[in-house]
Amino acid sequence: MVPPTTLRPTSAHDARFDDWRWQAQHTVRDLAALERTISLTDAEREGTRRALSQGLPLAITPYYLSLIDADDPACPIRRQCVPVADEAVTVEGDLRDPLGEEAHEVAPGLVQRYPDRALLLVTDRCGVYCRFCTRSRMVGDGGGARSLSALAQAFAYLRAHDEIREVIVSGGDPGLMSDARIESVLSALGAIDHLDTLRFATRTPVTLPQRITDDLCAALRRAHPAIWVMTHFNHPKELTPASLAACAKLVDAGLPVMNQTVLLRGVNDDEATLERLFRGLIRGRVRPYYLLQMDPVRGTSHLRTPLRRGVELMSALEGRISGIALPKLVVDTPGGLGKVPLGRDPVVSSHAASTHLRTFRGDLVEYRDPPSSDPDASA
C-alpha cells in the first residue's frame, strides 16, 4: 500500500492523482491503510475489521478519501464510507434484499419491477462501497464485470419483451468498467429497437471524477442516442471542482445528468445542507431527481431517518428554492412493489367544486373548479 502522502498529495496537479486507473489501483481496502490516513474511533476500527471478514467490503478511492476530515468522526463523507460497529446491529424491518430484486429477477442480472423498464446489473464492483448500499448482499463479491456472454440471457429477454422501453444499467458501478466494455454493453442494448432510453447509473462523478474522460463521454454518445447519466451526490462537500468538472464534461457532451440523493442521518438530514446541495447541483447543470428514503438494508439503521423527517425537510424547502432544484421525495417500498412519492398534503378541505389549499407560506387559498358540463352532474 502506498504511503499516506501519496494518497493525500499536496499538489492538486499530481499527475498520478488525476489518473482514474491510479485511483482504482490505490483504493484503500484494508485497516492499516485506513489508519494511516484517518484517526479511527474504536467503533470504526471494529466496523472495519468486521467489513474485512464479512458483509460489505471496504473500498475508498484516494480522491474520496481526500474529502474526509481525518479527525472528525461526524464528517459527512466519512459516515458514508467508513464502516462502524453499528453495521452488526439488525433491527425489525431490516432486509437483506430490501427491494426484492432477487424475487423480480427475470434473467441472470436482469430485474423487472415495472412494466416498461428493467434494471441490468453489469458488475459488482464500485470505486467506493457506500455503507448504506441497497445491494450490499452482492457488491464486491468477486465476480467483477460481466461479459456479454454472461448477459446473453438478459439481452434475449429484453429482445423478446417489447413492452420494455427503458433499461437502467447499474451494478456495482458500471463506470468502473473499461470504455470498451461499457460501449459494448450499451451498444448491444442500443441494437434493441424498442428501447427508447438507457440510464447509465454511476457514482464516479462523486467518488472518482477522474473517470469521466473525453473518451468515456464519446463512448457513451456512440452507444445510444438517448442515454441519461444518473449519479449520486449526497452532500455539498462532494461538489468539488473536480466533480463539477466531470458533470460539465458529461453535459457538454450532450449527456443529461440527473441526481439521486439518499436521505442519511447525520449526513444530510437538515434543510440547510439539502438546500446547499440542490442549489449546487443545478449550478452544475445536474437536475436533482430523487430524494430517496434510505432502503431498510440489514445493518444500516444507524443511518436511516424516519419517513416523516423527509416530508418535513421537503416541506421546509418548498417555495424556498426553485422548482428545478427540488427533487421528488420517494420511498422505494420493501419487497420491490415500486416507489411511492411522499410530500406535504396541501389540501385542507374539499367539497363540491371548492377546494381549500395551504400554500408553502401557510396561506389558506380557495380553488374553485369550473361549472360541470356534464348534464348528469347535478342530478
Foldseek 3Di string as FASTA:
>chain_A
DDAVCVLQPPDPVPVLLLALVSQLVPWDFADVRLVRQAVDDPFLSVQQVCQVVDFFTATAGSVLSNLADRDDCLGLSNLFFGGGNLLVDFDPPADQQFQQQVVQAPAVQWGDLDQAEIEGAFAQAANTGTSLDNNRVGHPPPPGGHACVNCVVVLVVPLVRLSHQEYEYAHRAPLPDDLVRVLVVLLSVQVRVSHNEYEHEHACLQRPLSSLDLSSLVSVVVRHVHYEYEHEDAWLSSLDPSSLVSLLSNVVSVHAYEYEYEQWPSNQLAQVGLVSVLVSCVVSRYFHAEHEQRRSHTSRPNTGDDPVSVQVNLLQCVVVDDPRSRYFYWYSGTNNNGIDTDYDDQWPDDDDQWTWGQDSVRDIDIDGDDDDPDPPPVD
